[in-house]
Amino acid sequence: MNTALSLLAIAFYTIATVLLWQEIRQGHARYKLALVLGIVATFCHGTASFLGMFTPRGMNISLTEMSLLISWFVVVITLISGMLRPLLNILVMIFPFTAVILVITLFTEAEPRLIAQPGGMMFHIALSVLSYSVLTMAALQAIVLAIQEYRLKHHQLRGILKALPPLVTMEAMLFELVLIGFILLTLSIGSGFFYVDDLFTQHLVHKTAFSIMAWGCFGILLIGRHQLGWRSRTAIRWTLAAFALLLLGYVGSKFVLEILLNRI
């Protein structure tokens, strides 16, 4: 059932992306249809994620399941935020990104990691997922901002980039995402010291160390913004560097433990 739901989500995300692209390039009035299909895809995606995570034997927090959940939250947060800020055009990049994650998880066999009685771990996991989701959005926003800035500088702003909000708005949204993600990451790391046993054991020390380094980088970026007035180019570098550390610590350690070592 999870496979069928994932395939449906991939199909709907793909169709919604095509419709959004046609809307941007040719002005066809298909935006509402694309949004509806995106919401249906999100529902299928979320159902597949929760069914795969909550099993009769316990809660599965393997790399594939967490990747599905984090990518789902990215779409949901973008859809909700789009009601308040001009973010909906970014869905033309978020939808295919999420579809690619779904395809990868379908062909990835990760060793299940079950928690029989989550307890306080549920709180820590929820904070971790939310922080990774928001900071993933910040990283994607930084990439889009870098491309938008480069194209504007070289007078090549067209297509989807022309449909995006102005650079000042995009930059402001980037710092908002970084601030929210930083707060959630702070709470996530803090809750880890309370609810995760042996946080600095061999299989967790890399994840913990890289998460703290990423937290430090995001903190420096926010201080630099407030005290030194750091702007888009500096913000892009620090955001991507911090996210790379976070990705290396979380995805890297889980990939080695659950996939690579499982095949040796």
Protein backbone atom coordinates (compact mmCIF):
# COMPACT_ATOMS: atom_id res chain seq x y z
CA MET A 1 0.00 0.00 0.00
CA ASN A 2 2.85 2.38 0.83
CA THR A 3 4.39 1.78 -2.60
CA ALA A 4 1.08 2.50 -4.34
CA LEU A 5 0.58 5.70 -2.34
CA SER A 6 4.14 6.81 -3.07
CA LEU A 7 3.65 6.19 -6.80
CA LEU A 8 0.41 8.19 -6.75
CA ALA A 9 2.15 11.03 -4.92
CA ILE A 10 4.98 11.03 -7.48
CA ALA A 11 2.47 11.13 -10.35
CA PHE A 12 0.44 13.99 -8.84
CA TYR A 13 3.55 15.99 -7.90
CA THR A 14 4.82 15.60 -11.46
CA ILE A 15 1.55 16.66 -13.09
CA ALA A 16 1.24 19.61 -10.69
CA THR A 17 4.79 20.68 -11.58
CA VAL A 18 4.01 20.59 -15.32
CA LEU A 19 0.85 22.66 -14.79
CA LEU A 20 2.69 25.22 -12.65
CA TRP A 21 5.43 25.45 -15.27
CA GLN A 22 2.84 26.07 -18.00
CA GLU A 23 1.20 28.70 -15.81
CA ILE A 24 4.52 30.53 -15.38
CA ARG A 25 5.73 30.20 -18.97
CA GLN A 26 2.49 30.57 -20.92
CA GLY A 27 -0.03 32.04 -18.49
CA HIS A 28 -2.50 29.17 -18.68
CA ALA A 29 -5.14 29.37 -15.96
CA ARG A 30 -4.21 26.03 -14.36
CA TYR A 31 -2.82 27.27 -11.08
CA LYS A 32 -5.78 26.15 -8.97
CA LEU A 33 -5.79 22.71 -10.58
CA ALA A 34 -2.05 22.38 -9.92
CA LEU A 35 -2.62 23.37 -6.30
CA VAL A 36 -5.40 20.81 -5.88
CA LEU A 37 -3.24 18.07 -7.40
CA GLY A 38 -0.38 19.13 -5.15
CA ILE A 39 -2.61 18.85 -2.09
CA VAL A 40 -3.77 15.37 -3.20
CA ALA A 41 -0.12 14.37 -3.71
CA THR A 42 0.70 15.71 -0.25
CA PHE A 43 -2.12 13.63 1.25
CA CYS A 44 -0.87 10.44 -0.46
CA HIS A 45 2.70 11.27 0.53
CA GLY A 46 1.79 11.91 4.18
CA THR A 47 -0.33 8.77 4.44
CA ALA A 48 2.48 6.63 3.02
CA SER A 49 4.93 8.24 5.42
CA PHE A 50 2.84 7.70 8.54
CA LEU A 51 1.90 4.13 7.59
CA GLY A 52 5.56 3.30 7.09
CA MET A 53 6.64 4.98 10.30
CA PHE A 54 4.04 3.65 12.74
CA THR A 55 4.16 -0.14 12.61
CA PRO A 56 2.77 -2.86 14.93
CA ARG A 57 6.33 -3.52 16.14
CA GLY A 58 7.01 0.11 17.00
CA MET A 59 7.96 3.42 15.46
CA ASN A 60 10.31 3.13 12.48
CA ILE A 61 12.78 6.03 12.33
CA SER A 62 14.99 4.70 9.52
CA LEU A 63 16.57 7.04 6.97
CA THR A 64 13.96 6.35 4.30
CA GLU A 65 11.00 6.93 6.61
CA MET A 66 12.45 10.10 8.09
CA SER A 67 13.32 11.39 4.61
CA LEU A 68 9.72 10.85 3.55
CA LEU A 69 8.44 12.66 6.64
CA ILE A 70 10.84 15.60 6.34
CA SER A 71 10.08 16.10 2.62
CA TRP A 72 6.35 15.92 3.44
CA PHE A 73 6.74 18.65 6.07
CA VAL A 74 8.64 20.80 3.55
CA VAL A 75 5.64 20.72 1.19
CA VAL A 76 3.10 21.28 3.98
CA ILE A 77 5.03 24.21 5.45
CA THR A 78 5.40 25.78 1.98
CA LEU A 79 1.68 25.39 1.27
CA ILE A 80 0.70 26.93 4.62
CA SER A 81 3.31 29.70 4.41
CA GLY A 82 2.14 30.48 0.87
CA MET A 83 -1.14 31.70 2.32
CA LEU A 84 0.76 34.43 4.18
CA ARG A 85 3.80 35.08 1.99
CA PRO A 86 4.48 34.89 -1.78
CA LEU A 87 5.94 31.38 -1.64
CA LEU A 88 3.59 29.41 -3.85
CA ASN A 89 5.61 29.89 -7.04
CA ILE A 90 8.44 28.06 -5.27
CA LEU A 91 6.23 24.96 -5.37
CA VAL A 92 7.35 24.45 -8.96
CA MET A 93 10.73 23.52 -7.45
CA ILE A 94 9.48 21.95 -4.20
CA PHE A 95 7.15 19.49 -5.95
CA PRO A 96 9.79 17.88 -8.20
CA PHE A 97 12.32 17.90 -5.33
CA THR A 98 9.82 15.95 -3.21
CA ALA A 99 9.02 13.58 -6.08
CA VAL A 100 12.73 12.79 -6.44
CA ILE A 101 12.95 12.02 -2.70
CA LEU A 102 10.00 9.64 -3.06
CA VAL A 103 11.63 7.89 -6.02
CA ILE A 104 14.91 7.49 -4.13
CA THR A 105 13.19 6.03 -1.06
CA LEU A 106 11.31 3.54 -3.23
CA PHE A 107 14.60 2.09 -4.47
CA THR A 108 16.49 2.34 -1.18
CA GLU A 109 16.51 -0.52 1.27
CA ALA A 110 17.32 0.86 4.71
CA GLU A 111 17.63 -1.26 7.82
CA PRO A 112 14.48 -0.62 9.93
CA ARG A 113 15.19 1.20 13.17
CA LEU A 114 12.33 0.53 15.55
CA ILE A 115 11.50 2.25 18.82
CA ALA A 116 9.08 0.08 20.80
CA GLN A 117 8.11 2.73 23.38
CA PRO A 118 8.96 6.18 22.03
CA GLY A 119 7.96 8.14 25.16
CA GLY A 120 9.94 11.39 25.36
CA MET A 121 11.75 10.43 22.15
CA MET A 122 8.60 11.41 20.25
CA PHE A 123 9.07 15.01 21.38
CA HIS A 124 12.75 14.99 20.35
CA ILE A 125 11.97 13.37 16.98
CA ALA A 126 9.16 15.85 16.27
CA LEU A 127 11.47 18.80 16.97
CA SER A 128 14.22 17.25 14.86
CA VAL A 129 11.90 16.65 11.91
CA LEU A 130 10.50 20.19 12.09
CA SER A 131 13.96 21.76 12.34
CA TYR A 132 15.35 19.70 9.45
CA SER A 133 12.28 20.51 7.36
CA VAL A 134 12.51 24.27 7.91
CA LEU A 135 16.29 24.30 7.39
CA THR A 136 15.87 22.23 4.20
CA MET A 137 13.52 24.95 2.99
CA ALA A 138 16.13 27.55 3.97
CA ALA A 139 18.80 25.71 1.95
CA LEU A 140 16.51 25.48 -1.09
CA GLN A 141 15.65 29.16 -0.65
CA ALA A 142 19.38 30.00 -0.53
CA ILE A 143 19.99 28.08 -3.77
CA VAL A 144 17.10 29.82 -5.52
CA LEU A 145 18.29 33.20 -4.19
CA ALA A 146 21.82 32.54 -5.49
CA ILE A 147 20.52 31.66 -8.96
CA GLN A 148 18.14 34.61 -8.95
CA GLU A 149 20.90 37.02 -7.93
CA TYR A 150 23.31 35.64 -10.56
CA ARG A 151 20.73 35.83 -13.35
CA LEU A 152 19.67 39.35 -12.36
CA LYS A 153 23.30 40.49 -12.37
CA HIS A 154 23.78 39.09 -15.88
CA HIS A 155 20.37 40.33 -17.11
CA GLN A 156 19.09 36.77 -17.65
CA LEU A 157 16.08 36.88 -15.35
CA ARG A 158 13.31 35.03 -17.16
CA GLY A 159 10.93 32.11 -16.88
CA ILE A 160 10.31 30.83 -13.38
CA LEU A 161 12.88 33.17 -11.82
CA LYS A 162 10.98 36.16 -13.16
CA ALA A 163 7.83 34.87 -11.45
CA LEU A 164 9.51 34.73 -8.04
CA PRO A 165 9.29 37.55 -5.46
CA PRO A 166 11.94 40.34 -5.56
CA LEU A 167 15.42 39.69 -4.15
CA VAL A 168 14.73 41.74 -1.01
CA THR A 169 11.66 39.64 -0.22
CA MET A 170 13.47 36.38 -0.97
CA GLU A 171 16.35 37.43 1.30
CA ALA A 172 13.97 38.37 4.12
CA MET A 173 12.21 35.00 3.80
CA LEU A 174 15.58 33.21 3.92
CA PHE A 175 16.48 34.82 7.25
CA GLU A 176 13.00 34.08 8.62
CA LEU A 177 13.41 30.41 7.74
CA VAL A 178 16.93 30.33 9.24
CA LEU A 179 15.69 31.95 12.47
CA ILE A 180 12.76 29.53 12.84
CA GLY A 181 14.96 26.57 11.94
CA PHE A 182 17.65 27.70 14.40
CA ILE A 183 15.13 27.92 17.25
CA LEU A 184 13.75 24.46 16.44
CA LEU A 185 17.26 23.01 16.09
CA THR A 186 18.19 24.50 19.48
CA LEU A 187 15.17 22.82 21.06
CA SER A 188 15.94 19.58 19.21
CA ILE A 189 19.56 19.43 20.42
CA GLY A 190 18.49 20.41 23.92
CA SER A 191 15.78 17.73 24.07
CA GLY A 192 18.32 15.18 22.83
CA PHE A 193 20.33 15.59 26.02
CA PHE A 194 17.21 14.74 28.04
CA TYR A 195 15.57 11.98 26.01
CA VAL A 196 18.37 10.25 24.04
CA ASP A 197 20.44 7.76 26.00
CA ASP A 198 24.20 7.93 25.48
CA LEU A 199 24.08 10.85 23.02
CA PHE A 200 27.84 10.64 22.50
CA THR A 201 28.10 6.90 21.89
CA GLN A 202 29.91 5.69 18.76
CA HIS A 203 26.81 5.48 16.54
CA LEU A 204 25.51 8.93 17.59
CA VAL A 205 28.63 11.00 18.20
CA HIS A 206 29.04 12.04 14.53
CA LYS A 207 25.40 13.12 14.26
CA THR A 208 25.62 15.05 17.54
CA ALA A 209 28.92 16.75 16.66
CA PHE A 210 27.83 17.81 13.16
CA SER A 211 24.44 19.02 14.47
CA ILE A 212 26.16 21.22 17.06
CA MET A 213 28.56 22.59 14.42
CA ALA A 214 25.61 23.34 12.11
CA TRP A 215 23.79 25.02 15.01
CA GLY A 216 26.87 27.17 15.61
CA CYS A 217 27.05 28.21 11.95
CA PHE A 218 23.38 29.17 11.84
CA GLY A 219 23.86 31.13 15.07
CA ILE A 220 26.85 33.01 13.64
CA LEU A 221 24.81 33.83 10.52
CA LEU A 222 21.98 35.30 12.59
CA ILE A 223 24.42 37.33 14.71
CA GLY A 224 26.18 38.53 11.56
CA ARG A 225 22.87 39.60 10.09
CA HIS A 226 21.87 41.51 13.22
CA GLN A 227 25.23 43.03 14.15
CA LEU A 228 27.05 43.36 10.81
CA GLY A 229 24.19 43.59 8.34
CA TRP A 230 25.18 40.49 6.37
CA ARG A 231 23.27 40.30 3.09
CA SER A 232 22.30 37.71 0.52
CA ARG A 233 25.68 36.45 -0.77
CA THR A 234 27.14 35.92 2.71
CA ALA A 235 23.86 34.50 3.94
CA ILE A 236 23.77 32.02 1.06
CA ARG A 237 27.28 30.73 1.84
CA TRP A 238 26.67 30.34 5.58
CA THR A 239 23.24 28.75 5.09
CA LEU A 240 24.51 26.16 2.63
CA ALA A 241 27.63 25.42 4.70
CA ALA A 242 25.57 24.94 7.87
CA PHE A 243 23.02 22.80 6.07
CA ALA A 244 25.80 20.66 4.57
CA LEU A 245 27.05 19.95 8.11
CA LEU A 246 23.53 19.08 9.23
CA LEU A 247 23.03 16.83 6.22
CA LEU A 248 26.39 15.15 6.70
CA GLY A 249 25.67 14.47 10.36
CA TYR A 250 22.14 13.16 9.95
CA VAL A 251 21.89 11.61 6.49
CA GLY A 252 25.56 10.60 6.36
CA SER A 253 25.55 8.70 9.65
CA LYS A 254 22.20 7.05 8.94
CA PHE A 255 23.28 6.09 5.41
CA VAL A 256 26.39 4.36 6.70
CA LEU A 257 24.62 2.57 9.58
CA GLU A 258 21.38 1.57 7.86
CA ILE A 259 22.29 1.09 4.19
CA LEU A 260 26.03 0.85 3.56
CA LEU A 261 26.91 -1.48 6.47
CA ASN A 262 23.79 -3.52 5.75
CA ARG A 263 25.18 -4.40 2.29
CA ILE A 264 28.66 -5.35 3.42
